[in-house]
Protein backbone atom coordinates (compact mmCIF):
# COMPACT_ATOMS: atom_id res chain seq x y z
CA UNK A 1 0.00 0.00 0.00
CA UNK A 2 1.59 3.29 -1.03
CA UNK A 3 1.20 6.56 0.86
CA UNK A 4 -1.53 7.89 -1.41
CA UNK A 5 -3.61 4.73 -1.11
CA UNK A 6 -3.06 4.72 2.67
CA UNK A 7 -4.17 8.35 2.98
CA UNK A 8 -7.18 7.78 0.74
CA UNK A 9 -8.40 4.77 2.72
CA UNK A 10 -7.86 6.55 6.01
CA UNK A 11 -9.79 9.61 4.81
CA UNK A 12 -12.68 7.41 3.65
CA UNK A 13 -12.85 5.77 7.05
CA UNK A 14 -12.71 9.14 8.80
CA UNK A 15 -15.51 10.49 6.58
CA UNK A 16 -17.63 7.46 7.48
CA UNK A 17 -16.88 7.95 11.17
CA UNK A 18 -17.97 11.60 10.96
CA UNK A 19 -21.19 10.58 9.22
CA UNK A 20 -21.73 7.91 11.88
CA UNK A 21 -21.24 10.41 14.70
CA UNK A 22 -23.74 12.80 13.10
CA UNK A 23 -26.22 9.94 12.72
CA UNK A 24 -25.72 8.86 16.33
CA UNK A 25 -26.29 12.42 17.57
CA UNK A 26 -29.51 12.83 15.59
CA UNK A 27 -30.67 9.33 16.54
CA UNK A 28 -30.04 10.02 20.22
CA UNK A 29 -32.02 13.28 20.00
CA UNK A 30 -34.91 11.43 18.38
CA UNK A 31 -34.71 8.60 20.93
CA UNK A 32 -34.91 11.19 23.73
CA UNK A 33 -37.98 12.72 22.07
CA UNK A 34 -39.57 9.29 21.73
CA UNK A 35 -38.76 8.44 25.32
CA UNK A 36 -40.66 11.55 26.41
CA UNK A 37 -43.84 10.37 24.63
CA UNK A 38 -43.40 6.63 25.20
CA UNK A 39 -45.62 6.43 28.26
CA UNK A 40 -49.14 7.77 28.02
CA UNK A 41 -51.90 7.78 30.59
CA UNK A 42 -53.40 4.83 28.70
CA UNK A 43 -50.22 2.73 28.46
CA UNK A 44 -47.30 2.67 26.10
CA UNK A 45 -47.17 4.44 22.75
CA UNK A 46 -46.30 1.44 20.58
CA UNK A 47 -45.62 3.62 17.52
CA UNK A 48 -42.93 5.49 19.43
CA UNK A 49 -41.58 2.20 20.79
CA UNK A 50 -41.30 0.67 17.30
CA UNK A 51 -39.67 3.78 15.85
CA UNK A 52 -37.16 3.84 18.71
CA UNK A 53 -36.41 0.16 18.25
CA UNK A 54 -35.85 0.64 14.51
CA UNK A 55 -33.61 3.66 15.07
CA UNK A 56 -31.53 1.73 17.60
CA UNK A 57 -31.15 -1.22 15.20
CA UNK A 58 -30.05 1.10 12.37
CA UNK A 59 -27.55 2.78 14.66
CA UNK A 60 -26.15 -0.59 15.74
CA UNK A 61 -25.82 -1.60 12.07
CA UNK A 62 -23.88 1.58 11.23
CA UNK A 63 -21.55 1.04 14.18
CA UNK A 64 -20.89 -2.53 13.03
CA UNK A 65 -20.14 -1.33 9.51
CA UNK A 66 -17.58 1.26 10.62
CA UNK A 67 -15.98 -1.25 13.00
CA UNK A 68 -15.66 -3.72 10.13
CA UNK A 69 -14.12 -1.03 7.89
CA UNK A 70 -11.58 -0.23 10.58
CA UNK A 71 -10.79 -3.90 11.15
CA UNK A 72 -10.30 -4.50 7.41
CA UNK A 73 -8.11 -1.41 7.11
CA UNK A 74 -5.85 -2.37 10.00
CA UNK A 75 -5.65 -5.97 8.83
CA UNK A 76 -4.54 -4.80 5.39
CA UNK A 77 -2.11 -2.38 6.98
CA UNK A 78 -0.61 -5.11 9.17
CA UNK A 79 -0.23 -7.36 6.13
CA UNK A 80 1.64 -4.65 4.24
CA UNK A 81 5.36 -4.32 4.53
CA UNK A 82 6.26 -1.56 6.94
CA UNK A 83 8.66 0.05 4.48
CA UNK A 84 5.89 0.64 1.93
CA UNK A 85 4.02 3.02 4.26
CA UNK A 86 7.05 5.12 5.19
PDB file of N, CA and C in Angstrom:
ATOM      1  N   UNK A   1       0.863  -1.173   0.000  1.00  0.00           N
ATOM      2  CA  UNK A   1       0.000   0.000   0.000  1.00  0.00           C
ATOM      3  C   UNK A   1       0.908   1.234   0.000  1.00  0.00           C
ATOM      4  N   UNK A   2       0.760   2.090  -0.996  1.00  0.00           N
ATOM      5  CA  UNK A   2       1.589   3.291  -1.034  1.00  0.00           C
ATOM      6  C   UNK A   2       0.950   4.379  -0.168  1.00  0.00           C
ATOM      7  N   UNK A   3       1.663   5.489  -0.026  1.00  0.00           N
ATOM      8  CA  UNK A   3       1.198   6.556   0.864  1.00  0.00           C
ATOM      9  C   UNK A   3      -0.124   7.160   0.411  1.00  0.00           C
ATOM     10  N   UNK A   4      -0.292   7.315  -0.894  1.00  0.00           N
ATOM     11  CA  UNK A   4      -1.526   7.892  -1.407  1.00  0.00           C
ATOM     12  C   UNK A   4      -2.718   6.984  -1.140  1.00  0.00           C
ATOM     13  N   UNK A   5      -2.547   5.697  -1.367  1.00  0.00           N
ATOM     14  CA  UNK A   5      -3.611   4.734  -1.107  1.00  0.00           C
ATOM     15  C   UNK A   5      -3.935   4.683   0.386  1.00  0.00           C
ATOM     16  N   UNK A   6      -2.895   4.714   1.218  1.00  0.00           N
ATOM     17  CA  UNK A   6      -3.064   4.721   2.666  1.00  0.00           C
ATOM     18  C   UNK A   6      -3.878   5.936   3.100  1.00  0.00           C
ATOM     19  N   UNK A   7      -3.487   7.117   2.606  1.00  0.00           N
ATOM     20  CA  UNK A   7      -4.174   8.352   2.977  1.00  0.00           C
ATOM     21  C   UNK A   7      -5.616   8.346   2.492  1.00  0.00           C
ATOM     22  N   UNK A   8      -5.835   7.842   1.297  1.00  0.00           N
ATOM     23  CA  UNK A   8      -7.182   7.783   0.736  1.00  0.00           C
ATOM     24  C   UNK A   8      -8.084   6.875   1.567  1.00  0.00           C
ATOM     25  N   UNK A   9      -7.598   5.705   1.919  1.00  0.00           N
ATOM     26  CA  UNK A   9      -8.399   4.769   2.719  1.00  0.00           C
ATOM     27  C   UNK A   9      -8.681   5.343   4.099  1.00  0.00           C
ATOM     28  N   UNK A  10      -7.678   5.969   4.686  1.00  0.00           N
ATOM     29  CA  UNK A  10      -7.859   6.555   6.009  1.00  0.00           C
ATOM     30  C   UNK A  10      -8.874   7.696   5.968  1.00  0.00           C
ATOM     31  N   UNK A  11      -8.829   8.515   4.933  1.00  0.00           N
ATOM     32  CA  UNK A  11      -9.791   9.614   4.808  1.00  0.00           C
ATOM     33  C   UNK A  11     -11.213   9.080   4.614  1.00  0.00           C
ATOM     34  N   UNK A  12     -11.360   8.016   3.842  1.00  0.00           N
ATOM     35  CA  UNK A  12     -12.677   7.413   3.648  1.00  0.00           C
ATOM     36  C   UNK A  12     -13.241   6.926   4.971  1.00  0.00           C
ATOM     37  N   UNK A  13     -12.410   6.258   5.744  1.00  0.00           N
ATOM     38  CA  UNK A  13     -12.847   5.767   7.053  1.00  0.00           C
ATOM     39  C   UNK A  13     -13.216   6.934   7.963  1.00  0.00           C
ATOM     40  N   UNK A  14     -12.418   7.980   7.953  1.00  0.00           N
ATOM     41  CA  UNK A  14     -12.711   9.138   8.804  1.00  0.00           C
ATOM     42  C   UNK A  14     -14.008   9.811   8.372  1.00  0.00           C
ATOM     43  N   UNK A  15     -14.243   9.922   7.063  1.00  0.00           N
ATOM     44  CA  UNK A  15     -15.513  10.487   6.576  1.00  0.00           C
ATOM     45  C   UNK A  15     -16.689   9.656   7.076  1.00  0.00           C
ATOM     46  N   UNK A  16     -16.552   8.334   7.006  1.00  0.00           N
ATOM     47  CA  UNK A  16     -17.630   7.461   7.478  1.00  0.00           C
ATOM     48  C   UNK A  16     -17.839   7.608   8.981  1.00  0.00           C
ATOM     49  N   UNK A  17     -16.744   7.764   9.726  1.00  0.00           N
ATOM     50  CA  UNK A  17     -16.880   7.949  11.174  1.00  0.00           C
ATOM     51  C   UNK A  17     -17.608   9.251  11.486  1.00  0.00           C
ATOM     52  N   UNK A  18     -17.296  10.314  10.745  1.00  0.00           N
ATOM     53  CA  UNK A  18     -17.966  11.599  10.965  1.00  0.00           C
ATOM     54  C   UNK A  18     -19.454  11.469  10.663  1.00  0.00           C
ATOM     55  N   UNK A  19     -19.783  10.806   9.560  1.00  0.00           N
ATOM     56  CA  UNK A  19     -21.194  10.576   9.224  1.00  0.00           C
ATOM     57  C   UNK A  19     -21.869   9.756  10.316  1.00  0.00           C
ATOM     58  N   UNK A  20     -21.176   8.744  10.821  1.00  0.00           N
ATOM     59  CA  UNK A  20     -21.731   7.907  11.880  1.00  0.00           C
ATOM     60  C   UNK A  20     -21.994   8.729  13.138  1.00  0.00           C
ATOM     61  N   UNK A  21     -21.045   9.571  13.513  1.00  0.00           N
ATOM     62  CA  UNK A  21     -21.238  10.406  14.705  1.00  0.00           C
ATOM     63  C   UNK A  21     -22.424  11.348  14.535  1.00  0.00           C
ATOM     64  N   UNK A  22     -22.577  11.938  13.355  1.00  0.00           N
ATOM     65  CA  UNK A  22     -23.735  12.797  13.096  1.00  0.00           C
ATOM     66  C   UNK A  22     -25.035  12.003  13.205  1.00  0.00           C
ATOM     67  N   UNK A  23     -25.032  10.794  12.657  1.00  0.00           N
ATOM     68  CA  UNK A  23     -26.217   9.941  12.716  1.00  0.00           C
ATOM     69  C   UNK A  23     -26.533   9.565  14.159  1.00  0.00           C
ATOM     70  N   UNK A  24     -25.512   9.225  14.923  1.00  0.00           N
ATOM     71  CA  UNK A  24     -25.723   8.861  16.332  1.00  0.00           C
ATOM     72  C   UNK A  24     -26.296  10.043  17.108  1.00  0.00           C
ATOM     73  N   UNK A  25     -25.767  11.242  16.873  1.00  0.00           N
ATOM     74  CA  UNK A  25     -26.289  12.420  17.567  1.00  0.00           C
ATOM     75  C   UNK A  25     -27.766  12.644  17.239  1.00  0.00           C
ATOM     76  N   UNK A  26     -28.102  12.595  15.959  1.00  0.00           N
ATOM     77  CA  UNK A  26     -29.506  12.833  15.594  1.00  0.00           C
ATOM     78  C   UNK A  26     -30.400  11.696  16.088  1.00  0.00           C
ATOM     79  N   UNK A  27     -29.895  10.462  16.038  1.00  0.00           N
ATOM     80  CA  UNK A  27     -30.672   9.330  16.543  1.00  0.00           C
ATOM     81  C   UNK A  27     -30.906   9.470  18.044  1.00  0.00           C
ATOM     82  N   UNK A  28     -29.885   9.858  18.770  1.00  0.00           N
ATOM     83  CA  UNK A  28     -30.041  10.022  20.219  1.00  0.00           C
ATOM     84  C   UNK A  28     -31.037  11.125  20.558  1.00  0.00           C
ATOM     85  N   UNK A  29     -31.015  12.223  19.773  1.00  0.00           N
ATOM     86  CA  UNK A  29     -32.016  13.282  19.999  1.00  0.00           C
ATOM     87  C   UNK A  29     -33.422  12.741  19.773  1.00  0.00           C
ATOM     88  N   UNK A  30     -33.588  11.985  18.686  1.00  0.00           N
ATOM     89  CA  UNK A  30     -34.912  11.427  18.380  1.00  0.00           C
ATOM     90  C   UNK A  30     -35.332  10.398  19.429  1.00  0.00           C
ATOM     91  N   UNK A  31     -34.387   9.575  19.883  1.00  0.00           N
ATOM     92  CA  UNK A  31     -34.715   8.604  20.933  1.00  0.00           C
ATOM     93  C   UNK A  31     -35.144   9.302  22.211  1.00  0.00           C
ATOM     94  N   UNK A  32     -34.502  10.423  22.545  1.00  0.00           N
ATOM     95  CA  UNK A  32     -34.907  11.190  23.727  1.00  0.00           C
ATOM     96  C   UNK A  32     -36.316  11.749  23.555  1.00  0.00           C
ATOM     97  N   UNK A  33     -36.627  12.226  22.332  1.00  0.00           N
ATOM     98  CA  UNK A  33     -37.981  12.720  22.069  1.00  0.00           C
ATOM     99  C   UNK A  33     -39.004  11.591  22.204  1.00  0.00           C
ATOM    100  N   UNK A  34     -38.659  10.434  21.652  1.00  0.00           N
ATOM    101  CA  UNK A  34     -39.570   9.293  21.726  1.00  0.00           C
ATOM    102  C   UNK A  34     -39.764   8.822  23.158  1.00  0.00           C
ATOM    103  N   UNK A  35     -38.679   8.853  23.924  1.00  0.00           N
ATOM    104  CA  UNK A  35     -38.757   8.440  25.321  1.00  0.00           C
ATOM    105  C   UNK A  35     -39.743   9.323  26.090  1.00  0.00           C
ATOM    106  N   UNK A  36     -39.770  10.613  25.729  1.00  0.00           N
ATOM    107  CA  UNK A  36     -40.660  11.547  26.412  1.00  0.00           C
ATOM    108  C   UNK A  36     -42.128  11.250  26.124  1.00  0.00           C
ATOM    109  N   UNK A  37     -42.433  10.647  24.973  1.00  0.00           N
ATOM    110  CA  UNK A  37     -43.836  10.368  24.633  1.00  0.00           C
ATOM    111  C   UNK A  37     -44.166   8.876  24.700  1.00  0.00           C
ATOM    112  N   UNK A  38     -43.218   8.091  25.177  1.00  0.00           N
ATOM    113  CA  UNK A  38     -43.402   6.631  25.204  1.00  0.00           C
ATOM    114  C   UNK A  38     -44.560   6.235  26.118  1.00  0.00           C
ATOM    115  N   UNK A  39     -44.562   6.776  27.323  1.00  0.00           N
ATOM    116  CA  UNK A  39     -45.621   6.430  28.264  1.00  0.00           C
ATOM    117  C   UNK A  39     -46.754   7.448  28.165  1.00  0.00           C
ATOM    118  N   UNK A  40     -47.941   6.926  28.053  1.00  0.00           N
ATOM    119  CA  UNK A  40     -49.139   7.772  28.016  1.00  0.00           C
ATOM    120  C   UNK A  40     -50.009   7.372  29.195  1.00  0.00           C
ATOM    121  N   UNK A  41     -50.999   8.174  29.499  1.00  0.00           N
ATOM    122  CA  UNK A  41     -51.905   7.784  30.594  1.00  0.00           C
ATOM    123  C   UNK A  41     -52.615   6.451  30.334  1.00  0.00           C
ATOM    124  N   UNK A  42     -52.687   6.049  29.071  1.00  0.00           N
ATOM    125  CA  UNK A  42     -53.403   4.831  28.701  1.00  0.00           C
ATOM    126  C   UNK A  42     -52.459   3.660  28.414  1.00  0.00           C
ATOM    127  N   UNK A  43     -51.177   3.796  28.723  1.00  0.00           N
ATOM    128  CA  UNK A  43     -50.219   2.729  28.457  1.00  0.00           C
ATOM    129  C   UNK A  43     -49.065   3.236  27.601  1.00  0.00           C
ATOM    130  N   UNK A  44     -48.455   2.314  26.916  1.00  0.00           N
ATOM    131  CA  UNK A  44     -47.300   2.669  26.095  1.00  0.00           C
ATOM    132  C   UNK A  44     -47.719   3.071  24.690  1.00  0.00           C
ATOM    133  N   UNK A  45     -47.005   4.014  24.139  1.00  0.00           N
ATOM    134  CA  UNK A  45     -47.170   4.442  22.754  1.00  0.00           C
ATOM    135  C   UNK A  45     -46.363   3.480  21.896  1.00  0.00           C
ATOM    136  N   UNK A  46     -47.010   2.491  21.327  1.00  0.00           N
ATOM    137  CA  UNK A  46     -46.304   1.440  20.582  1.00  0.00           C
ATOM    138  C   UNK A  46     -45.656   1.973  19.306  1.00  0.00           C
ATOM    139  N   UNK A  47     -46.238   3.009  18.702  1.00  0.00           N
ATOM    140  CA  UNK A  47     -45.619   3.619  17.517  1.00  0.00           C
ATOM    141  C   UNK A  47     -44.267   4.205  17.858  1.00  0.00           C
ATOM    142  N   UNK A  48     -44.191   4.911  18.985  1.00  0.00           N
ATOM    143  CA  UNK A  48     -42.925   5.493  19.431  1.00  0.00           C
ATOM    144  C   UNK A  48     -41.939   4.389  19.798  1.00  0.00           C
ATOM    145  N   UNK A  49     -42.440   3.328  20.420  1.00  0.00           N
ATOM    146  CA  UNK A  49     -41.583   2.200  20.786  1.00  0.00           C
ATOM    147  C   UNK A  49     -40.965   1.570  19.535  1.00  0.00           C
ATOM    148  N   UNK A  50     -41.792   1.302  18.530  1.00  0.00           N
ATOM    149  CA  UNK A  50     -41.300   0.670  17.296  1.00  0.00           C
ATOM    150  C   UNK A  50     -40.306   1.568  16.572  1.00  0.00           C
ATOM    151  N   UNK A  51     -40.597   2.861  16.505  1.00  0.00           N
ATOM    152  CA  UNK A  51     -39.669   3.785  15.850  1.00  0.00           C
ATOM    153  C   UNK A  51     -38.334   3.812  16.584  1.00  0.00           C
ATOM    154  N   UNK A  52     -38.388   3.851  17.907  1.00  0.00           N
ATOM    155  CA  UNK A  52     -37.160   3.844  18.705  1.00  0.00           C
ATOM    156  C   UNK A  52     -36.367   2.567  18.509  1.00  0.00           C
ATOM    157  N   UNK A  53     -37.066   1.450  18.463  1.00  0.00           N
ATOM    158  CA  UNK A  53     -36.409   0.160  18.250  1.00  0.00           C
ATOM    159  C   UNK A  53     -35.730   0.125  16.883  1.00  0.00           C
ATOM    160  N   UNK A  54     -36.423   0.614  15.861  1.00  0.00           N
ATOM    161  CA  UNK A  54     -35.855   0.636  14.513  1.00  0.00           C
ATOM    162  C   UNK A  54     -34.642   1.567  14.423  1.00  0.00           C
ATOM    163  N   UNK A  55     -34.741   2.725  15.065  1.00  0.00           N
ATOM    164  CA  UNK A  55     -33.607   3.657  15.069  1.00  0.00           C
ATOM    165  C   UNK A  55     -32.398   3.037  15.757  1.00  0.00           C
ATOM    166  N   UNK A  56     -32.629   2.361  16.867  1.00  0.00           N
ATOM    167  CA  UNK A  56     -31.532   1.728  17.596  1.00  0.00           C
ATOM    168  C   UNK A  56     -30.889   0.629  16.757  1.00  0.00           C
ATOM    169  N   UNK A  57     -31.694  -0.159  16.059  1.00  0.00           N
ATOM    170  CA  UNK A  57     -31.154  -1.219  15.204  1.00  0.00           C
ATOM    171  C   UNK A  57     -30.324  -0.634  14.064  1.00  0.00           C
ATOM    172  N   UNK A  58     -30.795   0.457  13.458  1.00  0.00           N
ATOM    173  CA  UNK A  58     -30.053   1.103  12.368  1.00  0.00           C
ATOM    174  C   UNK A  58     -28.728   1.661  12.881  1.00  0.00           C
ATOM    175  N   UNK A  59     -28.773   2.246  14.060  1.00  0.00           N
ATOM    176  CA  UNK A  59     -27.555   2.782  14.657  1.00  0.00           C
ATOM    177  C   UNK A  59     -26.557   1.662  14.939  1.00  0.00           C
ATOM    178  N   UNK A  60     -27.023   0.549  15.473  1.00  0.00           N
ATOM    179  CA  UNK A  60     -26.146  -0.594  15.737  1.00  0.00           C
ATOM    180  C   UNK A  60     -25.525  -1.127  14.448  1.00  0.00           C
ATOM    181  N   UNK A  61     -26.311  -1.135  13.373  1.00  0.00           N
ATOM    182  CA  UNK A  61     -25.821  -1.598  12.075  1.00  0.00           C
ATOM    183  C   UNK A  61     -24.708  -0.681  11.557  1.00  0.00           C
ATOM    184  N   UNK A  62     -24.903   0.628  11.677  1.00  0.00           N
ATOM    185  CA  UNK A  62     -23.882   1.579  11.234  1.00  0.00           C
ATOM    186  C   UNK A  62     -22.593   1.432  12.033  1.00  0.00           C
ATOM    187  N   UNK A  63     -22.727   1.232  13.331  1.00  0.00           N
ATOM    188  CA  UNK A  63     -21.550   1.043  14.181  1.00  0.00           C
ATOM    189  C   UNK A  63     -20.804  -0.216  13.774  1.00  0.00           C
ATOM    190  N   UNK A  64     -21.532  -1.284  13.483  1.00  0.00           N
ATOM    191  CA  UNK A  64     -20.895  -2.526  13.034  1.00  0.00           C
ATOM    192  C   UNK A  64     -20.166  -2.331  11.714  1.00  0.00           C
ATOM    193  N   UNK A  65     -20.767  -1.577  10.801  1.00  0.00           N
ATOM    194  CA  UNK A  65     -20.138  -1.329   9.505  1.00  0.00           C
ATOM    195  C   UNK A  65     -18.818  -0.578   9.657  1.00  0.00           C
ATOM    196  N   UNK A  66     -18.811   0.478  10.467  1.00  0.00           N
ATOM    197  CA  UNK A  66     -17.578   1.259  10.621  1.00  0.00           C
ATOM    198  C   UNK A  66     -16.524   0.435  11.354  1.00  0.00           C
ATOM    199  N   UNK A  67     -16.945  -0.385  12.318  1.00  0.00           N
ATOM    200  CA  UNK A  67     -15.983  -1.250  13.000  1.00  0.00           C
ATOM    201  C   UNK A  67     -15.367  -2.259  12.038  1.00  0.00           C
ATOM    202  N   UNK A  68     -16.172  -2.781  11.119  1.00  0.00           N
ATOM    203  CA  UNK A  68     -15.656  -3.722  10.129  1.00  0.00           C
ATOM    204  C   UNK A  68     -14.702  -3.025   9.171  1.00  0.00           C
ATOM    205  N   UNK A  69     -15.024  -1.798   8.753  1.00  0.00           N
ATOM    206  CA  UNK A  69     -14.124  -1.029   7.890  1.00  0.00           C
ATOM    207  C   UNK A  69     -12.776  -0.823   8.567  1.00  0.00           C
ATOM    208  N   UNK A  70     -12.827  -0.453   9.830  1.00  0.00           N
ATOM    209  CA  UNK A  70     -11.583  -0.230  10.576  1.00  0.00           C
ATOM    210  C   UNK A  70     -10.794  -1.528  10.712  1.00  0.00           C
ATOM    211  N   UNK A  71     -11.466  -2.613  11.009  1.00  0.00           N
ATOM    212  CA  UNK A  71     -10.787  -3.902  11.151  1.00  0.00           C
ATOM    213  C   UNK A  71     -10.136  -4.312   9.837  1.00  0.00           C
ATOM    214  N   UNK A  72     -10.859  -4.152   8.724  1.00  0.00           N
ATOM    215  CA  UNK A  72     -10.303  -4.497   7.414  1.00  0.00           C
ATOM    216  C   UNK A  72      -9.099  -3.629   7.087  1.00  0.00           C
ATOM    217  N   UNK A  73      -9.206  -2.338   7.384  1.00  0.00           N
ATOM    218  CA  UNK A  73      -8.111  -1.408   7.111  1.00  0.00           C
ATOM    219  C   UNK A  73      -6.862  -1.797   7.895  1.00  0.00           C
ATOM    220  N   UNK A  74      -7.012  -2.043   9.175  1.00  0.00           N
ATOM    221  CA  UNK A  74      -5.850  -2.365   9.997  1.00  0.00           C
ATOM    222  C   UNK A  74      -5.290  -3.749   9.677  1.00  0.00           C
ATOM    223  N   UNK A  75      -6.138  -4.660   9.276  1.00  0.00           N
ATOM    224  CA  UNK A  75      -5.655  -5.969   8.834  1.00  0.00           C
ATOM    225  C   UNK A  75      -4.808  -5.819   7.578  1.00  0.00           C
ATOM    226  N   UNK A  76      -5.306  -5.043   6.624  1.00  0.00           N
ATOM    227  CA  UNK A  76      -4.540  -4.803   5.394  1.00  0.00           C
ATOM    228  C   UNK A  76      -3.235  -4.085   5.705  1.00  0.00           C
ATOM    229  N   UNK A  77      -3.309  -3.132   6.602  1.00  0.00           N
ATOM    230  CA  UNK A  77      -2.113  -2.385   6.982  1.00  0.00           C
ATOM    231  C   UNK A  77      -1.093  -3.303   7.644  1.00  0.00           C
ATOM    232  N   UNK A  78      -1.542  -4.201   8.497  1.00  0.00           N
ATOM    233  CA  UNK A  78      -0.612  -5.105   9.173  1.00  0.00           C
ATOM    234  C   UNK A  78      -0.021  -6.128   8.217  1.00  0.00           C
ATOM    235  N   UNK A  79      -0.734  -6.419   7.121  1.00  0.00           N
ATOM    236  CA  UNK A  79      -0.228  -7.360   6.134  1.00  0.00           C
ATOM    237  C   UNK A  79       0.707  -6.705   5.115  1.00  0.00           C
ATOM    238  N   UNK A  80       0.800  -5.394   5.166  1.00  0.00           N
ATOM    239  CA  UNK A  80       1.643  -4.647   4.238  1.00  0.00           C
ATOM    240  C   UNK A  80       3.031  -4.483   4.856  1.00  0.00           C
ATOM    241  N   UNK A  81       4.002  -4.530   4.034  1.00  0.00           N
ATOM    242  CA  UNK A  81       5.362  -4.316   4.534  1.00  0.00           C
ATOM    243  C   UNK A  81       5.466  -2.928   5.131  1.00  0.00           C
ATOM    244  N   UNK A  82       6.116  -2.834   6.252  1.00  0.00           N
ATOM    245  CA  UNK A  82       6.261  -1.564   6.944  1.00  0.00           C
ATOM    246  C   UNK A  82       6.944  -0.516   6.074  1.00  0.00           C
ATOM    247  N   UNK A  83       7.912  -0.883   5.318  1.00  0.00           N
ATOM    248  CA  UNK A  83       8.655   0.053   4.480  1.00  0.00           C
ATOM    249  C   UNK A  83       7.810   0.714   3.412  1.00  0.00           C
ATOM    250  N   UNK A  84       6.718   0.074   2.983  1.00  0.00           N
ATOM    251  CA  UNK A  84       5.886   0.642   1.931  1.00  0.00           C
ATOM    252  C   UNK A  84       5.072   1.830   2.422  1.00  0.00           C
ATOM    253  N   UNK A  85       4.822   1.923   3.720  1.00  0.00           N
ATOM    254  CA  UNK A  85       4.019   3.020   4.259  1.00  0.00           C
ATOM    255  C   UNK A  85       4.870   4.199   4.697  1.00  0.00           C
ATOM    256  N   UNK A  86       6.161   4.035   4.752  1.00  0.00           N
ATOM    257  CA  UNK A  86       7.050   5.120   5.194  1.00  0.00           C
ATOM    258  C   UNK A  86       7.423   6.025   4.056  1.00  0.00           C
TER     259      UNK A  86
END
